[in-house]
Amino acid sequence: MKNPEFLINTSKYPGIPVGRLFIPNSHLNQPKFAHWRESVKVLDTTTYPNSEVIWFVADTFEYRRLASCYPHPRHFAYTEYLLKSASTFFSSLKPPYLPDYEYFN
């Protein structure tokens, strides 16, 4: 039986890092997949005879959770690289509650 696989795809929608989750039919009705769609914005779904592929956007935390739960055998390292790059980028942004003059001084 095949396991679910998650990766981040940057080519399906150029410039947007979308999540891609492959879910075999045997996993679709399991309780852990019942509510996960509430935490993401589904962009597209491709149905195959034995599985479903869901394309979505979510926050970095959800991408990280899915990457640790359902690593893709070939793309795990690249997915981790993208997640580390994203967290470095977002951590360097100015918090919205700080005035510009305090942040840049």
Protein backbone atom coordinates (compact mmCIF):
# COMPACT_ATOMS: atom_id res chain seq x y z
CA MET A 1 0.00 0.00 0.00
CA LYS A 2 1.35 3.40 -0.99
CA ASN A 3 1.60 6.23 1.55
CA PRO A 4 0.55 9.87 1.12
CA GLU A 5 3.32 12.13 -0.20
CA PHE A 6 3.74 15.89 0.17
CA LEU A 7 5.95 18.28 -1.75
CA ILE A 8 6.08 21.96 -2.62
CA ASN A 9 5.76 22.69 -6.32
CA THR A 10 6.95 25.98 -7.79
CA SER A 11 6.16 25.30 -11.46
CA LYS A 12 2.41 24.51 -11.59
CA TYR A 13 1.57 28.14 -10.77
CA PRO A 14 4.76 30.11 -11.57
CA GLY A 15 5.88 32.24 -8.65
CA ILE A 16 3.54 30.62 -6.12
CA PRO A 17 4.83 27.78 -3.94
CA VAL A 18 1.84 25.44 -3.90
CA GLY A 19 1.53 22.31 -1.85
CA ARG A 20 0.94 19.03 -3.64
CA LEU A 21 -0.44 16.16 -1.62
CA PHE A 22 -0.77 12.73 -3.19
CA ILE A 23 -3.33 10.63 -1.28
CA PRO A 24 -4.02 6.99 -2.19
CA ASN A 25 -7.71 6.06 -2.04
CA SER A 26 -7.03 3.77 0.91
CA HIS A 27 -6.12 6.86 3.00
CA LEU A 28 -8.86 9.25 1.86
CA ASN A 29 -11.44 8.17 4.46
CA GLN A 30 -9.07 7.97 7.42
CA PRO A 31 -9.89 10.38 10.29
CA LYS A 32 -6.63 12.33 9.95
CA PHE A 33 -7.62 13.38 6.41
CA ALA A 34 -11.19 14.29 7.34
CA HIS A 35 -10.45 17.88 8.46
CA TRP A 36 -7.06 18.83 7.04
CA ARG A 37 -8.65 20.72 4.11
CA GLU A 38 -10.00 23.30 6.58
CA SER A 39 -6.45 24.59 7.13
CA VAL A 40 -5.60 25.07 3.44
CA LYS A 41 -6.97 26.76 0.33
CA VAL A 42 -7.50 24.07 -2.32
CA LEU A 43 -6.64 25.29 -5.83
CA ASP A 44 -7.10 22.12 -7.86
CA THR A 45 -7.80 18.42 -7.44
CA THR A 46 -6.79 15.67 -9.86
CA THR A 47 -8.53 12.34 -9.39
CA TYR A 48 -6.96 9.11 -10.58
CA PRO A 49 -8.41 5.58 -10.35
CA ASN A 50 -6.36 4.73 -7.24
CA SER A 51 -5.53 8.13 -5.76
CA GLU A 52 -6.14 11.86 -5.60
CA VAL A 53 -3.66 14.72 -5.97
CA ILE A 54 -4.60 17.96 -4.24
CA TRP A 55 -2.93 21.28 -5.09
CA PHE A 56 -3.29 23.94 -2.41
CA VAL A 57 -1.78 26.94 -0.64
CA ALA A 58 -1.32 27.12 3.10
CA ASP A 59 0.82 28.86 5.66
CA THR A 60 4.40 27.76 6.28
CA PHE A 61 3.43 25.94 9.47
CA GLU A 62 0.98 23.70 7.60
CA TYR A 63 3.55 23.00 4.85
CA ARG A 64 6.09 22.06 7.52
CA ARG A 65 3.58 19.77 9.29
CA LEU A 66 2.68 17.98 6.06
CA ALA A 67 6.34 17.65 5.06
CA SER A 68 7.17 15.94 8.34
CA CYS A 69 4.08 13.67 8.28
CA TYR A 70 4.16 12.69 4.60
CA PRO A 71 7.68 13.12 3.19
CA HIS A 72 8.10 12.58 -0.53
CA PRO A 73 10.88 10.03 -1.11
CA ARG A 74 12.65 12.00 -3.88
CA HIS A 75 11.70 15.62 -3.16
CA PHE A 76 12.01 15.78 0.64
CA ALA A 77 15.38 17.59 0.64
CA TYR A 78 14.18 20.26 -1.79
CA THR A 79 10.96 20.73 0.19
CA GLU A 80 12.99 21.21 3.39
CA TYR A 81 15.23 23.73 1.59
CA LEU A 82 12.19 25.73 0.45
CA LEU A 83 10.71 25.72 3.96
CA LYS A 84 13.97 26.88 5.54
CA SER A 85 14.31 29.62 2.93
CA ALA A 86 10.74 30.78 3.59
CA SER A 87 11.20 30.92 7.35
CA THR A 88 14.43 32.90 6.93
CA PHE A 89 12.66 35.36 4.63
CA PHE A 90 9.64 35.85 6.90
CA SER A 91 11.73 36.15 10.06
CA SER A 92 13.59 39.11 8.55
CA LEU A 93 10.41 41.12 7.88
CA LYS A 94 9.47 44.01 10.14
CA PRO A 95 6.65 43.15 12.55
CA PRO A 96 3.57 45.25 11.67
CA TYR A 97 3.27 46.69 15.19
CA LEU A 98 6.75 48.28 15.09
CA PRO A 99 7.04 51.80 13.65
CA ASP A 100 9.47 52.09 10.75
CA TYR A 101 11.77 54.49 12.59
CA GLU A 102 12.30 51.99 15.45
CA TYR A 103 12.92 49.07 13.15
CA PHE A 104 15.40 50.71 10.78
CA ASN A 105 17.48 52.50 13.43
